[in-house]
Amino acid sequence: MPVRMRKEALRNLQRMNINRASLFPDLDGYAASLKLRYNSLKIPEEVLKQQLKLLEDEGFKLMP
């Protein structure tokens, strides 16, 4: 699926009550559903900054 269509598809599935919480009715499914909903509220710059911070590994920098 093209990336540009992903958000629209996820919104349509959410409207039909098809999400991680309904597919996986345990704590992990609910937490993943909340994470997806929370991340959709962020602006793209915040998401990028968070992803870059996760990729940083200050303790074990790679050698060039």
PDB file of N, CA and C in Angstrom:
ATOM      1  N   MET A   1       0.843  -1.169   0.000  1.00  0.00           N
ATOM      2  CA  MET A   1       0.000   0.000   0.000  1.00  0.00           C
ATOM      3  C   MET A   1       0.890   1.234   0.000  1.00  0.00           C
ATOM      4  N   PRO A   2       0.634   2.186  -0.874  1.00  0.00           N
ATOM      5  CA  PRO A   2       1.431   3.414  -0.886  1.00  0.00           C
ATOM      6  C   PRO A   2       1.308   4.169   0.441  1.00  0.00           C
ATOM      7  N   VAL A   3       2.389   4.793   0.841  1.00  0.00           N
ATOM      8  CA  VAL A   3       2.434   5.497   2.121  1.00  0.00           C
ATOM      9  C   VAL A   3       1.380   6.598   2.175  1.00  0.00           C
ATOM     10  N   ARG A   4       1.157   7.269   1.068  1.00  0.00           N
ATOM     11  CA  ARG A   4       0.208   8.386   1.068  1.00  0.00           C
ATOM     12  C   ARG A   4      -1.223   7.940   1.348  1.00  0.00           C
ATOM     13  N   MET A   5      -1.512   6.663   1.151  1.00  0.00           N
ATOM     14  CA  MET A   5      -2.857   6.147   1.381  1.00  0.00           C
ATOM     15  C   MET A   5      -3.012   5.507   2.764  1.00  0.00           C
ATOM     16  N   ARG A   6      -1.918   5.350   3.489  1.00  0.00           N
ATOM     17  CA  ARG A   6      -1.934   4.632   4.760  1.00  0.00           C
ATOM     18  C   ARG A   6      -2.829   5.303   5.806  1.00  0.00           C
ATOM     19  N   LYS A   7      -2.662   6.630   6.001  1.00  0.00           N
ATOM     20  CA  LYS A   7      -3.453   7.319   7.017  1.00  0.00           C
ATOM     21  C   LYS A   7      -4.939   7.232   6.721  1.00  0.00           C
ATOM     22  N   GLU A   8      -5.303   7.405   5.475  1.00  0.00           N
ATOM     23  CA  GLU A   8      -6.711   7.334   5.108  1.00  0.00           C
ATOM     24  C   GLU A   8      -7.272   5.937   5.369  1.00  0.00           C
ATOM     25  N   ALA A   9      -6.498   4.921   5.038  1.00  0.00           N
ATOM     26  CA  ALA A   9      -6.945   3.549   5.266  1.00  0.00           C
ATOM     27  C   ALA A   9      -7.103   3.271   6.764  1.00  0.00           C
ATOM     28  N   LEU A  10      -6.156   3.738   7.569  1.00  0.00           N
ATOM     29  CA  LEU A  10      -6.252   3.536   9.013  1.00  0.00           C
ATOM     30  C   LEU A  10      -7.452   4.271   9.608  1.00  0.00           C
ATOM     31  N   ARG A  11      -7.730   5.470   9.101  1.00  0.00           N
ATOM     32  CA  ARG A  11      -8.913   6.199   9.575  1.00  0.00           C
ATOM     33  C   ARG A  11     -10.196   5.449   9.231  1.00  0.00           C
ATOM     34  N   ASN A  12     -10.266   4.926   8.018  1.00  0.00           N
ATOM     35  CA  ASN A  12     -11.454   4.173   7.614  1.00  0.00           C
ATOM     36  C   ASN A  12     -11.637   2.928   8.474  1.00  0.00           C
ATOM     37  N   LEU A  13     -10.544   2.231   8.763  1.00  0.00           N
ATOM     38  CA  LEU A  13     -10.631   1.056   9.632  1.00  0.00           C
ATOM     39  C   LEU A  13     -11.069   1.447  11.045  1.00  0.00           C
ATOM     40  N   GLN A  14     -10.571   2.565  11.531  1.00  0.00           N
ATOM     41  CA  GLN A  14     -10.948   3.045  12.866  1.00  0.00           C
ATOM     42  C   GLN A  14     -12.443   3.355  12.915  1.00  0.00           C
ATOM     43  N   ARG A  15     -12.961   3.961  11.856  1.00  0.00           N
ATOM     44  CA  ARG A  15     -14.403   4.265  11.800  1.00  0.00           C
ATOM     45  C   ARG A  15     -15.244   2.995  11.837  1.00  0.00           C
ATOM     46  N   MET A  16     -14.710   1.902  11.325  1.00  0.00           N
ATOM     47  CA  MET A  16     -15.417   0.622  11.329  1.00  0.00           C
ATOM     48  C   MET A  16     -15.125  -0.191  12.598  1.00  0.00           C
ATOM     49  N   ASN A  17     -14.446   0.452  13.560  1.00  0.00           N
ATOM     50  CA  ASN A  17     -14.063  -0.172  14.824  1.00  0.00           C
ATOM     51  C   ASN A  17     -13.141  -1.375  14.606  1.00  0.00           C
ATOM     52  N   ILE A  18     -12.274  -1.256  13.625  1.00  0.00           N
ATOM     53  CA  ILE A  18     -11.247  -2.273  13.398  1.00  0.00           C
ATOM     54  C   ILE A  18      -9.911  -1.619  13.738  1.00  0.00           C
ATOM     55  N   ASN A  19      -9.419  -1.945  14.895  1.00  0.00           N
ATOM     56  CA  ASN A  19      -8.144  -1.389  15.350  1.00  0.00           C
ATOM     57  C   ASN A  19      -7.440  -2.439  16.201  1.00  0.00           C
ATOM     58  N   ARG A  20      -6.280  -2.095  16.690  1.00  0.00           N
ATOM     59  CA  ARG A  20      -5.510  -3.074  17.465  1.00  0.00           C
ATOM     60  C   ARG A  20      -6.213  -3.481  18.746  1.00  0.00           C
ATOM     61  N   ALA A  21      -6.929  -2.541  19.349  1.00  0.00           N
ATOM     62  CA  ALA A  21      -7.627  -2.870  20.597  1.00  0.00           C
ATOM     63  C   ALA A  21      -8.767  -3.857  20.356  1.00  0.00           C
ATOM     64  N   SER A  22      -9.459  -3.742  19.220  1.00  0.00           N
ATOM     65  CA  SER A  22     -10.563  -4.671  18.959  1.00  0.00           C
ATOM     66  C   SER A  22     -10.059  -6.009  18.397  1.00  0.00           C
ATOM     67  N   LEU A  23      -8.947  -5.982  17.675  1.00  0.00           N
ATOM     68  CA  LEU A  23      -8.393  -7.220  17.128  1.00  0.00           C
ATOM     69  C   LEU A  23      -7.645  -8.030  18.184  1.00  0.00           C
ATOM     70  N   PHE A  24      -6.966  -7.335  19.078  1.00  0.00           N
ATOM     71  CA  PHE A  24      -6.181  -7.975  20.138  1.00  0.00           C
ATOM     72  C   PHE A  24      -6.665  -7.429  21.478  1.00  0.00           C
ATOM     73  N   PRO A  25      -7.736  -8.015  22.053  1.00  0.00           N
ATOM     74  CA  PRO A  25      -8.360  -7.436  23.250  1.00  0.00           C
ATOM     75  C   PRO A  25      -7.602  -7.734  24.550  1.00  0.00           C
ATOM     76  N   ASP A  26      -6.311  -7.540  24.530  1.00  0.00           N
ATOM     77  CA  ASP A  26      -5.531  -7.687  25.743  1.00  0.00           C
ATOM     78  C   ASP A  26      -4.819  -6.363  26.006  1.00  0.00           C
ATOM     79  N   LEU A  27      -4.001  -6.329  27.020  1.00  0.00           N
ATOM     80  CA  LEU A  27      -3.332  -5.090  27.396  1.00  0.00           C
ATOM     81  C   LEU A  27      -2.389  -4.594  26.299  1.00  0.00           C
ATOM     82  N   ASP A  28      -1.680  -5.513  25.638  1.00  0.00           N
ATOM     83  CA  ASP A  28      -0.768  -5.119  24.571  1.00  0.00           C
ATOM     84  C   ASP A  28      -1.514  -4.484  23.396  1.00  0.00           C
ATOM     85  N   GLY A  29      -2.631  -5.055  23.012  1.00  0.00           N
ATOM     86  CA  GLY A  29      -3.422  -4.506  21.922  1.00  0.00           C
ATOM     87  C   GLY A  29      -3.968  -3.136  22.257  1.00  0.00           C
ATOM     88  N   TYR A  30      -4.437  -2.978  23.481  1.00  0.00           N
ATOM     89  CA  TYR A  30      -4.963  -1.685  23.912  1.00  0.00           C
ATOM     90  C   TYR A  30      -3.854  -0.634  23.946  1.00  0.00           C
ATOM     91  N   ALA A  31      -2.689  -1.008  24.458  1.00  0.00           N
ATOM     92  CA  ALA A  31      -1.563  -0.075  24.523  1.00  0.00           C
ATOM     93  C   ALA A  31      -1.108   0.329  23.124  1.00  0.00           C
ATOM     94  N   ALA A  32      -1.048  -0.612  22.200  1.00  0.00           N
ATOM     95  CA  ALA A  32      -0.662  -0.289  20.820  1.00  0.00           C
ATOM     96  C   ALA A  32      -1.684   0.632  20.175  1.00  0.00           C
ATOM     97  N   SER A  33      -2.957   0.432  20.477  1.00  0.00           N
ATOM     98  CA  SER A  33      -4.012   1.294  19.951  1.00  0.00           C
ATOM     99  C   SER A  33      -3.864   2.719  20.487  1.00  0.00           C
ATOM    100  N   LEU A  34      -3.579   2.840  21.772  1.00  0.00           N
ATOM    101  CA  LEU A  34      -3.373   4.168  22.358  1.00  0.00           C
ATOM    102  C   LEU A  34      -2.150   4.853  21.772  1.00  0.00           C
ATOM    103  N   LYS A  35      -1.090   4.108  21.559  1.00  0.00           N
ATOM    104  CA  LYS A  35       0.138   4.671  20.991  1.00  0.00           C
ATOM    105  C   LYS A  35      -0.139   5.216  19.589  1.00  0.00           C
ATOM    106  N   LEU A  36      -0.854   4.451  18.787  1.00  0.00           N
ATOM    107  CA  LEU A  36      -1.177   4.889  17.436  1.00  0.00           C
ATOM    108  C   LEU A  36      -2.035   6.148  17.473  1.00  0.00           C
ATOM    109  N   ARG A  37      -3.017   6.178  18.354  1.00  0.00           N
ATOM    110  CA  ARG A  37      -3.889   7.349  18.466  1.00  0.00           C
ATOM    111  C   ARG A  37      -3.108   8.564  18.963  1.00  0.00           C
ATOM    112  N   TYR A  38      -2.219   8.375  19.939  1.00  0.00           N
ATOM    113  CA  TYR A  38      -1.417   9.478  20.474  1.00  0.00           C
ATOM    114  C   TYR A  38      -0.478  10.026  19.412  1.00  0.00           C
ATOM    115  N   ASN A  39       0.176   9.142  18.656  1.00  0.00           N
ATOM    116  CA  ASN A  39       1.105   9.592  17.626  1.00  0.00           C
ATOM    117  C   ASN A  39       0.397  10.325  16.497  1.00  0.00           C
ATOM    118  N   SER A  40      -0.862  10.025  16.250  1.00  0.00           N
ATOM    119  CA  SER A  40      -1.580  10.716  15.184  1.00  0.00           C
ATOM    120  C   SER A  40      -1.894  12.155  15.573  1.00  0.00           C
ATOM    121  N   LEU A  41      -1.812  12.491  16.849  1.00  0.00           N
ATOM    122  CA  LEU A  41      -2.063  13.852  17.297  1.00  0.00           C
ATOM    123  C   LEU A  41      -0.836  14.747  17.164  1.00  0.00           C
ATOM    124  N   LYS A  42       0.335  14.147  17.034  1.00  0.00           N
ATOM    125  CA  LYS A  42       1.569  14.913  16.957  1.00  0.00           C
ATOM    126  C   LYS A  42       1.772  15.474  15.552  1.00  0.00           C
ATOM    127  N   ILE A  43       2.503  16.583  15.499  1.00  0.00           N
ATOM    128  CA  ILE A  43       2.872  17.120  14.197  1.00  0.00           C
ATOM    129  C   ILE A  43       4.066  16.320  13.674  1.00  0.00           C
ATOM    130  N   PRO A  44       4.256  16.258  12.364  1.00  0.00           N
ATOM    131  CA  PRO A  44       5.325  15.418  11.801  1.00  0.00           C
ATOM    132  C   PRO A  44       6.714  15.712  12.363  1.00  0.00           C
ATOM    133  N   GLU A  45       6.993  16.971  12.679  1.00  0.00           N
ATOM    134  CA  GLU A  45       8.316  17.307  13.216  1.00  0.00           C
ATOM    135  C   GLU A  45       8.550  16.652  14.574  1.00  0.00           C
ATOM    136  N   GLU A  46       7.507  16.590  15.401  1.00  0.00           N
ATOM    137  CA  GLU A  46       7.641  15.939  16.706  1.00  0.00           C
ATOM    138  C   GLU A  46       7.887  14.445  16.553  1.00  0.00           C
ATOM    139  N   VAL A  47       7.188  13.817  15.618  1.00  0.00           N
ATOM    140  CA  VAL A  47       7.360  12.381  15.385  1.00  0.00           C
ATOM    141  C   VAL A  47       8.776  12.107  14.900  1.00  0.00           C
ATOM    142  N   LEU A  48       9.278  12.917  13.970  1.00  0.00           N
ATOM    143  CA  LEU A  48      10.632  12.731  13.448  1.00  0.00           C
ATOM    144  C   LEU A  48      11.661  12.905  14.555  1.00  0.00           C
ATOM    145  N   LYS A  49      11.488  13.923  15.383  1.00  0.00           N
ATOM    146  CA  LYS A  49      12.429  14.170  16.476  1.00  0.00           C
ATOM    147  C   LYS A  49      12.441  12.984  17.445  1.00  0.00           C
ATOM    148  N   GLN A  50      11.265  12.433  17.733  1.00  0.00           N
ATOM    149  CA  GLN A  50      11.181  11.287  18.640  1.00  0.00           C
ATOM    150  C   GLN A  50      11.850  10.055  18.030  1.00  0.00           C
ATOM    151  N   GLN A  51      11.643   9.820  16.737  1.00  0.00           N
ATOM    152  CA  GLN A  51      12.251   8.665  16.086  1.00  0.00           C
ATOM    153  C   GLN A  51      13.770   8.802  16.030  1.00  0.00           C
ATOM    154  N   LEU A  52      14.268  10.001  15.761  1.00  0.00           N
ATOM    155  CA  LEU A  52      15.716  10.214  15.732  1.00  0.00           C
ATOM    156  C   LEU A  52      16.326  10.007  17.113  1.00  0.00           C
ATOM    157  N   LYS A  53      15.619  10.427  18.143  1.00  0.00           N
ATOM    158  CA  LYS A  53      16.135  10.236  19.501  1.00  0.00           C
ATOM    159  C   LYS A  53      16.227   8.747  19.837  1.00  0.00           C
ATOM    160  N   LEU A  54      15.246   7.954  19.373  1.00  0.00           N
ATOM    161  CA  LEU A  54      15.296   6.512  19.615  1.00  0.00           C
ATOM    162  C   LEU A  54      16.464   5.858  18.881  1.00  0.00           C
ATOM    163  N   LEU A  55      16.805   6.400  17.705  1.00  0.00           N
ATOM    164  CA  LEU A  55      17.900   5.827  16.926  1.00  0.00           C
ATOM    165  C   LEU A  55      19.279   6.174  17.492  1.00  0.00           C
ATOM    166  N   GLU A  56      19.340   7.259  18.270  1.00  0.00           N
ATOM    167  CA  GLU A  56      20.621   7.640  18.873  1.00  0.00           C
ATOM    168  C   GLU A  56      21.069   6.577  19.857  1.00  0.00           C
ATOM    169  N   ASP A  57      22.331   6.276  19.822  1.00  0.00           N
ATOM    170  CA  ASP A  57      22.884   5.323  20.770  1.00  0.00           C
ATOM    171  C   ASP A  57      24.202   5.907  21.261  1.00  0.00           C
ATOM    172  N   GLU A  58      24.121   6.706  22.312  1.00  0.00           N
ATOM    173  CA  GLU A  58      25.294   7.428  22.774  1.00  0.00           C
ATOM    174  C   GLU A  58      26.351   6.518  23.402  1.00  0.00           C
ATOM    175  N   GLY A  59      25.938   5.400  23.934  1.00  0.00           N
ATOM    176  CA  GLY A  59      26.882   4.523  24.600  1.00  0.00           C
ATOM    177  C   GLY A  59      27.743   3.717  23.647  1.00  0.00           C
ATOM    178  N   PHE A  60      27.243   3.413  22.466  1.00  0.00           N
ATOM    179  CA  PHE A  60      27.958   2.552  21.521  1.00  0.00           C
ATOM    180  C   PHE A  60      27.916   3.174  20.125  1.00  0.00           C
ATOM    181  N   LYS A  61      28.634   4.265  19.953  1.00  0.00           N
ATOM    182  CA  LYS A  61      28.665   4.911  18.642  1.00  0.00           C
ATOM    183  C   LYS A  61      29.391   4.030  17.629  1.00  0.00           C
ATOM    184  N   LEU A  62      28.868   4.022  16.429  1.00  0.00           N
ATOM    185  CA  LEU A  62      29.499   3.216  15.379  1.00  0.00           C
ATOM    186  C   LEU A  62      30.738   3.906  14.839  1.00  0.00           C
ATOM    187  N   MET A  63      31.729   3.124  14.546  1.00  0.00           N
ATOM    188  CA  MET A  63      32.965   3.661  13.973  1.00  0.00           C
ATOM    189  C   MET A  63      32.780   3.823  12.467  1.00  0.00           C
ATOM    190  N   PRO A  64      33.304   4.904  11.872  1.00  0.00           N
ATOM    191  CA  PRO A  64      33.183   5.079  10.419  1.00  0.00           C
ATOM    192  C   PRO A  64      34.045   4.112   9.640  1.00  0.00           C
TER     193      PRO A  64
END
